[in-house]
Amino acid sequence: MSGETPDDSEDVRSESGELAPLTTAQAASAAIEQLVELTSKPMQGATSVEPTDQGWTVEIEVLEDRRIPSSADMLALYEVEIDLDGNLLAYRRTKRYARGTADIGRGGQR
């Protein structure tokens, strides 16, 4: 273990010595970690994870505004794009809504 930093032991390397691609769970975790750092808002969790040519697109539900009662909280969906190494490429808020609002689907979005 000499010469290794704590981060080195967490890296998964292929036989060629290069970093192995992120798993779906690692991509979601990396996106959540980056969004927390940028927004400082509580994350509710990933709602979707999709691979792309450049990396991953992760949709994350975020608590935007805590209210009393909690059923009146305002939530938002953020779309986060990360590269194959888990680095942030872009993020955007795509929807804002009250907790408990029925999900009527994406409809005309996208």
Protein backbone atom coordinates (compact mmCIF):
# COMPACT_ATOMS: atom_id res chain seq x y z
CA MET A 1 0.00 0.00 0.00
CA SER A 2 3.01 2.30 0.09
CA GLY A 3 2.89 5.21 -2.32
CA GLU A 4 -0.89 5.05 -2.66
CA THR A 5 -3.13 7.93 -1.74
CA PRO A 6 -6.62 7.19 -0.36
CA ASP A 7 -8.14 8.07 -3.76
CA ASP A 8 -5.86 5.60 -5.60
CA SER A 9 -7.27 2.66 -3.66
CA GLU A 10 -10.83 3.59 -4.76
CA ASP A 11 -9.96 3.76 -8.49
CA VAL A 12 -10.83 0.69 -10.50
CA ARG A 13 -8.19 0.14 -13.15
CA SER A 14 -8.33 -2.13 -16.16
CA GLU A 15 -5.55 -4.59 -17.01
CA SER A 16 -4.00 -1.90 -19.24
CA GLY A 17 -3.71 0.40 -16.21
CA GLU A 18 -6.39 2.85 -17.38
CA LEU A 19 -9.36 3.78 -15.23
CA ALA A 20 -12.32 1.49 -15.82
CA PRO A 21 -15.55 3.17 -16.93
CA LEU A 22 -17.96 4.34 -14.26
CA THR A 23 -20.77 2.03 -13.29
CA THR A 24 -24.31 3.39 -13.32
CA ALA A 25 -24.29 3.74 -9.53
CA GLN A 26 -20.90 5.52 -9.59
CA ALA A 27 -22.18 7.91 -12.28
CA ALA A 28 -25.26 8.77 -10.19
CA SER A 29 -23.14 9.29 -7.06
CA ALA A 30 -20.65 11.50 -8.91
CA ALA A 31 -23.44 13.65 -10.36
CA ILE A 32 -25.13 14.04 -6.96
CA GLU A 33 -21.83 14.94 -5.29
CA GLN A 34 -21.09 17.61 -7.91
CA LEU A 35 -24.61 19.09 -7.74
CA VAL A 36 -24.49 19.29 -3.93
CA GLU A 37 -21.17 21.14 -4.18
CA LEU A 38 -22.63 23.67 -6.62
CA THR A 39 -26.08 24.23 -5.11
CA SER A 40 -25.69 23.32 -1.40
CA LYS A 41 -29.27 22.01 -1.54
CA PRO A 42 -30.43 18.67 -0.11
CA MET A 43 -30.66 15.93 -2.73
CA GLN A 44 -33.60 13.53 -2.67
CA GLY A 45 -31.94 11.08 -5.08
CA ALA A 46 -31.35 10.19 -8.70
CA THR A 47 -34.49 9.58 -10.72
CA SER A 48 -32.78 8.45 -13.93
CA VAL A 49 -29.30 7.64 -15.25
CA GLU A 50 -28.55 7.31 -18.96
CA PRO A 51 -25.25 6.68 -20.75
CA THR A 52 -24.29 9.11 -23.52
CA ASP A 53 -21.45 9.27 -26.03
CA GLN A 54 -19.61 11.75 -23.75
CA GLY A 55 -20.44 10.12 -20.40
CA TRP A 56 -23.69 10.11 -18.44
CA THR A 57 -26.86 12.17 -18.03
CA VAL A 58 -28.31 11.94 -14.52
CA GLU A 59 -31.65 13.40 -13.44
CA ILE A 60 -31.69 14.33 -9.74
CA GLU A 61 -34.56 15.38 -7.50
CA VAL A 62 -33.60 18.28 -5.22
CA LEU A 63 -35.35 19.88 -2.24
CA GLU A 64 -35.40 23.53 -3.32
CA ASP A 65 -37.54 25.10 -0.59
CA ARG A 66 -38.47 23.44 2.72
CA ARG A 67 -41.94 24.47 3.94
CA ILE A 68 -44.31 23.67 6.77
CA PRO A 69 -46.02 21.28 6.38
CA SER A 70 -43.48 19.22 4.45
CA SER A 71 -46.17 18.33 1.92
CA ALA A 72 -45.82 21.94 0.72
CA ASP A 73 -42.05 21.61 0.04
CA MET A 74 -40.86 22.76 -3.37
CA LEU A 75 -38.83 20.18 -5.29
CA ALA A 76 -36.97 20.41 -8.57
CA LEU A 77 -35.51 18.08 -11.15
CA TYR A 78 -31.99 18.81 -12.34
CA GLU A 79 -30.32 17.26 -15.36
CA VAL A 80 -26.61 16.75 -14.77
CA GLU A 81 -24.14 15.76 -17.49
CA ILE A 82 -20.84 14.18 -16.48
CA ASP A 83 -18.01 12.81 -18.57
CA LEU A 84 -16.69 9.24 -18.52
CA ASP A 85 -14.42 10.14 -15.57
CA GLY A 86 -17.26 11.63 -13.49
CA ASN A 87 -16.34 15.28 -14.11
CA LEU A 88 -19.18 17.78 -14.45
CA LEU A 89 -19.88 18.96 -17.99
CA ALA A 90 -23.19 20.80 -17.45
CA TYR A 91 -26.27 21.00 -15.27
CA ARG A 92 -29.68 22.63 -15.55
CA ARG A 93 -32.96 22.74 -13.65
CA THR A 94 -35.64 21.22 -15.88
CA LYS A 95 -38.70 21.29 -13.63
CA ARG A 96 -39.92 22.79 -10.34
CA TYR A 97 -42.99 21.48 -8.51
CA ALA A 98 -44.68 21.03 -5.14
CA ARG A 99 -44.08 17.78 -3.26
CA GLY A 100 -46.94 15.38 -3.81
CA THR A 101 -47.83 16.79 -7.20
CA ALA A 102 -48.86 13.96 -9.48
CA ASP A 103 -46.27 13.18 -12.12
CA ILE A 104 -48.10 13.64 -15.41
CA GLY A 105 -45.09 12.60 -17.46
CA ARG A 106 -42.74 14.58 -19.61
CA GLY A 107 -45.35 15.23 -22.28
CA GLY A 108 -43.91 17.73 -24.72
CA GLN A 109 -40.59 18.16 -22.95
CA ARG A 110 -37.44 17.25 -24.88
